[in-house]
Amino acid sequence: PRAILPADDLQGNSKSELRFLSFE
């Protein structure tokens, strides 16, 4: 139910964040 997904912060730097996934 949780995954580490790539994301961008406000400065445009790429990072990884842990978030919960929806059932879909």
PDB file of all heavy atoms in Angstrom:
ATOM      1  N   PRO A   1       0.808  -1.229   0.000  1.00  0.00           N
ATOM      2  CA  PRO A   1       0.000   0.000   0.000  1.00  0.00           C
ATOM      3  C   PRO A   1       0.837   1.274   0.000  1.00  0.00           C
ATOM      4  O   PRO A   1       0.316   2.348  -0.221  1.00  0.00           O
ATOM      5  CB  PRO A   1      -0.827  -0.101   1.270  1.00  0.00           C
ATOM      6  CG  PRO A   1      -0.146  -1.092   2.123  1.00  0.00           C
ATOM      7  CD  PRO A   1       0.628  -1.999   1.215  1.00  0.00           C
ATOM      8  N   ARG A   2       2.162   1.148   0.232  1.00  0.00           N
ATOM      9  CA  ARG A   2       3.032   2.317   0.177  1.00  0.00           C
ATOM     10  C   ARG A   2       4.102   2.083  -0.878  1.00  0.00           C
ATOM     11  O   ARG A   2       4.513   0.963  -1.117  1.00  0.00           O
ATOM     12  CB  ARG A   2       3.707   2.559   1.529  1.00  0.00           C
ATOM     13  CG  ARG A   2       2.725   2.969   2.596  1.00  0.00           C
ATOM     14  CD  ARG A   2       3.424   3.285   3.878  1.00  0.00           C
ATOM     15  NE  ARG A   2       4.085   2.084   4.380  1.00  0.00           N
ATOM     16  CZ  ARG A   2       4.983   2.084   5.346  1.00  0.00           C
ATOM     17  NH1 ARG A   2       5.347   3.197   5.916  1.00  0.00           N
ATOM     18  NH2 ARG A   2       5.538   0.969   5.763  1.00  0.00           N
ATOM     19  N   ALA A   3       4.547   3.163  -1.511  1.00  0.00           N
ATOM     20  CA  ALA A   3       5.585   3.054  -2.529  1.00  0.00           C
ATOM     21  C   ALA A   3       6.460   4.291  -2.510  1.00  0.00           C
ATOM     22  O   ALA A   3       6.015   5.374  -2.136  1.00  0.00           O
ATOM     23  CB  ALA A   3       4.959   2.893  -3.904  1.00  0.00           C
ATOM     24  N   ILE A   4       7.700   4.101  -2.916  1.00  0.00           N
ATOM     25  CA  ILE A   4       8.605   5.232  -3.079  1.00  0.00           C
ATOM     26  C   ILE A   4       8.527   5.658  -4.531  1.00  0.00           C
ATOM     27  O   ILE A   4       8.828   4.885  -5.434  1.00  0.00           O
ATOM     28  CB  ILE A   4      10.040   4.840  -2.690  1.00  0.00           C
ATOM     29  CG1 ILE A   4      10.086   4.452  -1.213  1.00  0.00           C
ATOM     30  CG2 ILE A   4      11.006   5.968  -2.997  1.00  0.00           C
ATOM     31  CD1 ILE A   4      11.421   3.926  -0.756  1.00  0.00           C
ATOM     32  N   LEU A   5       8.066   6.878  -4.747  1.00  0.00           N
ATOM     33  CA  LEU A   5       7.841   7.381  -6.094  1.00  0.00           C
ATOM     34  C   LEU A   5       8.721   8.591  -6.365  1.00  0.00           C
ATOM     35  O   LEU A   5       8.984   9.386  -5.468  1.00  0.00           O
ATOM     36  CB  LEU A   5       6.372   7.773  -6.260  1.00  0.00           C
ATOM     37  CG  LEU A   5       5.360   6.660  -6.013  1.00  0.00           C
ATOM     38  CD1 LEU A   5       3.961   7.214  -6.016  1.00  0.00           C
ATOM     39  CD2 LEU A   5       5.506   5.588  -7.063  1.00  0.00           C
ATOM     40  N   PRO A   6       9.167   8.732  -7.617  1.00  0.00           N
ATOM     41  CA  PRO A   6       9.954   9.927  -7.953  1.00  0.00           C
ATOM     42  C   PRO A   6       9.065  11.168  -7.941  1.00  0.00           C
ATOM     43  O   PRO A   6       7.899  11.121  -8.315  1.00  0.00           O
ATOM     44  CB  PRO A   6      10.475   9.633  -9.351  1.00  0.00           C
ATOM     45  CG  PRO A   6       9.573   8.597  -9.899  1.00  0.00           C
ATOM     46  CD  PRO A   6       9.020   7.834  -8.732  1.00  0.00           C
ATOM     47  N   ALA A   7       9.633  12.277  -7.495  1.00  0.00           N
ATOM     48  CA  ALA A   7       8.888  13.539  -7.441  1.00  0.00           C
ATOM     49  C   ALA A   7       9.867  14.690  -7.616  1.00  0.00           C
ATOM     50  O   ALA A   7      11.076  14.521  -7.468  1.00  0.00           O
ATOM     51  CB  ALA A   7       8.155  13.666  -6.118  1.00  0.00           C
ATOM     52  N   ASP A   8       9.370  15.859  -7.938  1.00  0.00           N
ATOM     53  CA  ASP A   8      10.188  17.065  -8.060  1.00  0.00           C
ATOM     54  C   ASP A   8       9.812  18.031  -6.952  1.00  0.00           C
ATOM     55  O   ASP A   8       8.638  18.192  -6.629  1.00  0.00           O
ATOM     56  CB  ASP A   8       9.966  17.741  -9.416  1.00  0.00           C
ATOM     57  CG  ASP A   8      10.481  16.901 -10.571  1.00  0.00           C
ATOM     58  OD1 ASP A   8      11.457  16.165 -10.361  1.00  0.00           O
ATOM     59  OD2 ASP A   8       9.907  16.979 -11.674  1.00  0.00           O
ATOM     60  N   ASP A   9      10.812  18.675  -6.372  1.00  0.00           N
ATOM     61  CA  ASP A   9      10.506  19.693  -5.364  1.00  0.00           C
ATOM     62  C   ASP A   9      10.299  21.046  -6.057  1.00  0.00           C
ATOM     63  O   ASP A   9      10.319  21.146  -7.281  1.00  0.00           O
ATOM     64  CB  ASP A   9      11.592  19.753  -4.289  1.00  0.00           C
ATOM     65  CG  ASP A   9      12.955  20.147  -4.841  1.00  0.00           C
ATOM     66  OD1 ASP A   9      13.037  20.558  -6.012  1.00  0.00           O
ATOM     67  OD2 ASP A   9      13.939  20.050  -4.081  1.00  0.00           O
ATOM     68  N   LEU A  10      10.085  22.084  -5.292  1.00  0.00           N
ATOM     69  CA  LEU A  10       9.779  23.403  -5.852  1.00  0.00           C
ATOM     70  C   LEU A  10      10.923  23.984  -6.684  1.00  0.00           C
ATOM     71  O   LEU A  10      10.697  24.771  -7.592  1.00  0.00           O
ATOM     72  CB  LEU A  10       9.416  24.372  -4.725  1.00  0.00           C
ATOM     73  CG  LEU A  10       8.147  24.010  -3.944  1.00  0.00           C
ATOM     74  CD1 LEU A  10       7.955  24.975  -2.790  1.00  0.00           C
ATOM     75  CD2 LEU A  10       6.947  24.009  -4.859  1.00  0.00           C
ATOM     76  N   GLN A  11      12.157  23.592  -6.405  1.00  0.00           N
ATOM     77  CA  GLN A  11      13.305  24.097  -7.156  1.00  0.00           C
ATOM     78  C   GLN A  11      13.578  23.266  -8.417  1.00  0.00           C
ATOM     79  O   GLN A  11      14.514  23.543  -9.144  1.00  0.00           O
ATOM     80  CB  GLN A  11      14.576  24.112  -6.288  1.00  0.00           C
ATOM     81  CG  GLN A  11      14.586  25.164  -5.205  1.00  0.00           C
ATOM     82  CD  GLN A  11      13.745  24.759  -3.998  1.00  0.00           C
ATOM     83  OE1 GLN A  11      13.596  23.574  -3.711  1.00  0.00           O
ATOM     84  NE2 GLN A  11      13.166  25.731  -3.326  1.00  0.00           N
ATOM     85  N   GLY A  12      12.800  22.243  -8.677  1.00  0.00           N
ATOM     86  CA  GLY A  12      12.983  21.395  -9.856  1.00  0.00           C
ATOM     87  C   GLY A  12      13.933  20.242  -9.645  1.00  0.00           C
ATOM     88  O   GLY A  12      14.255  19.526 -10.587  1.00  0.00           O
ATOM     89  N   ASN A  13      14.391  20.035  -8.420  1.00  0.00           N
ATOM     90  CA  ASN A  13      15.278  18.916  -8.121  1.00  0.00           C
ATOM     91  C   ASN A  13      14.456  17.647  -7.975  1.00  0.00           C
ATOM     92  O   ASN A  13      13.373  17.663  -7.399  1.00  0.00           O
ATOM     93  CB  ASN A  13      16.059  19.178  -6.830  1.00  0.00           C
ATOM     94  CG  ASN A  13      16.912  20.419  -6.927  1.00  0.00           C
ATOM     95  OD1 ASN A  13      17.466  20.707  -7.982  1.00  0.00           O
ATOM     96  ND2 ASN A  13      16.995  21.165  -5.837  1.00  0.00           N
ATOM     97  N   SER A  14      14.988  16.554  -8.489  1.00  0.00           N
ATOM     98  CA  SER A  14      14.262  15.295  -8.350  1.00  0.00           C
ATOM     99  C   SER A  14      14.580  14.669  -7.002  1.00  0.00           C
ATOM    100  O   SER A  14      15.693  14.777  -6.495  1.00  0.00           O
ATOM    101  CB  SER A  14      14.605  14.343  -9.485  1.00  0.00           C
ATOM    102  OG  SER A  14      15.971  14.072  -9.488  1.00  0.00           O
ATOM    103  N   LYS A  15      13.596  14.038  -6.442  1.00  0.00           N
ATOM    104  CA  LYS A  15      13.741  13.366  -5.154  1.00  0.00           C
ATOM    105  C   LYS A  15      12.769  12.204  -5.127  1.00  0.00           C
ATOM    106  O   LYS A  15      11.971  12.020  -6.059  1.00  0.00           O
ATOM    107  CB  LYS A  15      13.463  14.332  -4.004  1.00  0.00           C
ATOM    108  CG  LYS A  15      12.047  14.877  -3.990  1.00  0.00           C
ATOM    109  CD  LYS A  15      11.786  15.763  -2.791  1.00  0.00           C
ATOM    110  CE  LYS A  15      10.315  16.136  -2.748  1.00  0.00           C
ATOM    111  NZ  LYS A  15       9.949  16.803  -1.530  1.00  0.00           N
ATOM    112  N   SER A  16      12.822  11.432  -4.095  1.00  0.00           N
ATOM    113  CA  SER A  16      11.895  10.313  -3.919  1.00  0.00           C
ATOM    114  C   SER A  16      11.061  10.580  -2.683  1.00  0.00           C
ATOM    115  O   SER A  16      11.564  11.097  -1.685  1.00  0.00           O
ATOM    116  CB  SER A  16      12.654   9.005  -3.752  1.00  0.00           C
ATOM    117  OG  SER A  16      13.398   8.725  -4.905  1.00  0.00           O
ATOM    118  N   GLU A  17       9.802  10.227  -2.779  1.00  0.00           N
ATOM    119  CA  GLU A  17       8.943  10.392  -1.604  1.00  0.00           C
ATOM    120  C   GLU A  17       8.115   9.137  -1.388  1.00  0.00           C
ATOM    121  O   GLU A  17       7.739   8.453  -2.333  1.00  0.00           O
ATOM    122  CB  GLU A  17       8.048  11.620  -1.742  1.00  0.00           C
ATOM    123  CG  GLU A  17       7.038  11.553  -2.846  1.00  0.00           C
ATOM    124  CD  GLU A  17       6.174  12.800  -2.943  1.00  0.00           C
ATOM    125  OE1 GLU A  17       6.639  13.889  -2.559  1.00  0.00           O
ATOM    126  OE2 GLU A  17       5.043  12.660  -3.417  1.00  0.00           O
ATOM    127  N   LEU A  18       7.884   8.842  -0.141  1.00  0.00           N
ATOM    128  CA  LEU A  18       7.085   7.695   0.245  1.00  0.00           C
ATOM    129  C   LEU A  18       5.646   8.162   0.390  1.00  0.00           C
ATOM    130  O   LEU A  18       5.368   9.117   1.109  1.00  0.00           O
ATOM    131  CB  LEU A  18       7.595   7.118   1.570  1.00  0.00           C
ATOM    132  CG  LEU A  18       6.876   5.899   2.113  1.00  0.00           C
ATOM    133  CD1 LEU A  18       7.088   4.706   1.200  1.00  0.00           C
ATOM    134  CD2 LEU A  18       7.363   5.575   3.510  1.00  0.00           C
ATOM    135  N   ARG A  19       4.732   7.517  -0.321  1.00  0.00           N
ATOM    136  CA  ARG A  19       3.333   7.890  -0.182  1.00  0.00           C
ATOM    137  C   ARG A  19       2.455   6.646  -0.292  1.00  0.00           C
ATOM    138  O   ARG A  19       2.862   5.628  -0.821  1.00  0.00           O
ATOM    139  CB  ARG A  19       2.922   8.938  -1.210  1.00  0.00           C
ATOM    140  CG  ARG A  19       2.813   8.478  -2.617  1.00  0.00           C
ATOM    141  CD  ARG A  19       2.252   9.603  -3.494  1.00  0.00           C
ATOM    142  NE  ARG A  19       2.075   9.186  -4.844  1.00  0.00           N
ATOM    143  CZ  ARG A  19       0.980   8.614  -5.335  1.00  0.00           C
ATOM    144  NH1 ARG A  19      -0.048   8.377  -4.554  1.00  0.00           N
ATOM    145  NH2 ARG A  19       0.912   8.269  -6.597  1.00  0.00           N
ATOM    146  N   PHE A  20       1.241   6.765   0.207  1.00  0.00           N
ATOM    147  CA  PHE A  20       0.295   5.670   0.131  1.00  0.00           C
ATOM    148  C   PHE A  20      -0.333   5.638  -1.259  1.00  0.00           C
ATOM    149  O   PHE A  20      -0.603   6.676  -1.856  1.00  0.00           O
ATOM    150  CB  PHE A  20      -0.806   5.825   1.190  1.00  0.00           C
ATOM    151  CG  PHE A  20      -0.324   5.493   2.563  1.00  0.00           C
ATOM    152  CD1 PHE A  20       0.124   6.484   3.416  1.00  0.00           C
ATOM    153  CD2 PHE A  20      -0.310   4.187   3.006  1.00  0.00           C
ATOM    154  CE1 PHE A  20       0.582   6.188   4.684  1.00  0.00           C
ATOM    155  CE2 PHE A  20       0.139   3.869   4.270  1.00  0.00           C
ATOM    156  CZ  PHE A  20       0.583   4.875   5.118  1.00  0.00           C
ATOM    157  N   LEU A  21      -0.550   4.432  -1.772  1.00  0.00           N
ATOM    158  CA  LEU A  21      -1.173   4.250  -3.079  1.00  0.00           C
ATOM    159  C   LEU A  21      -2.665   4.012  -2.909  1.00  0.00           C
ATOM    160  O   LEU A  21      -3.090   3.351  -1.961  1.00  0.00           O
ATOM    161  CB  LEU A  21      -0.562   3.047  -3.797  1.00  0.00           C
ATOM    162  CG  LEU A  21       0.930   3.100  -4.068  1.00  0.00           C
ATOM    163  CD1 LEU A  21       1.391   1.771  -4.648  1.00  0.00           C
ATOM    164  CD2 LEU A  21       1.262   4.233  -5.004  1.00  0.00           C
ATOM    165  N   SER A  22      -3.439   4.527  -3.834  1.00  0.00           N
ATOM    166  CA  SER A  22      -4.873   4.258  -3.806  1.00  0.00           C
ATOM    167  C   SER A  22      -5.110   2.813  -4.244  1.00  0.00           C
ATOM    168  O   SER A  22      -4.228   2.156  -4.804  1.00  0.00           O
ATOM    169  CB  SER A  22      -5.613   5.216  -4.735  1.00  0.00           C
ATOM    170  OG  SER A  22      -5.314   4.909  -6.081  1.00  0.00           O
ATOM    171  N   PHE A  23      -6.301   2.329  -4.008  1.00  0.00           N
ATOM    172  CA  PHE A  23      -6.630   0.958  -4.405  1.00  0.00           C
ATOM    173  C   PHE A  23      -6.517   0.814  -5.921  1.00  0.00           C
ATOM    174  O   PHE A  23      -6.029  -0.202  -6.417  1.00  0.00           O
ATOM    175  CB  PHE A  23      -8.037   0.594  -3.923  1.00  0.00           C
ATOM    176  CG  PHE A  23      -8.382  -0.839  -4.186  1.00  0.00           C
ATOM    177  CD1 PHE A  23      -7.759  -1.850  -3.482  1.00  0.00           C
ATOM    178  CD2 PHE A  23      -9.308  -1.170  -5.151  1.00  0.00           C
ATOM    179  CE1 PHE A  23      -8.064  -3.177  -3.727  1.00  0.00           C
ATOM    180  CE2 PHE A  23      -9.627  -2.493  -5.404  1.00  0.00           C
ATOM    181  CZ  PHE A  23      -9.002  -3.500  -4.689  1.00  0.00           C
ATOM    182  N   GLU A  24      -6.938   1.815  -6.680  1.00  0.00           N
ATOM    183  CA  GLU A  24      -6.838   1.771  -8.144  1.00  0.00           C
ATOM    184  C   GLU A  24      -5.385   1.693  -8.599  1.00  0.00           C
ATOM    185  O   GLU A  24      -5.059   0.952  -9.532  1.00  0.00           O
ATOM    186  CB  GLU A  24      -7.515   2.991  -8.771  1.00  0.00           C
ATOM    187  CG  GLU A  24      -9.009   2.865  -8.912  1.00  0.00           C
ATOM    188  CD  GLU A  24      -9.428   1.662  -9.750  1.00  0.00           C
ATOM    189  OE1 GLU A  24      -8.847   1.453 -10.836  1.00  0.00           O
ATOM    190  OE2 GLU A  24     -10.325   0.941  -9.318  1.00  0.00           O
TER     191      GLU A  24
END
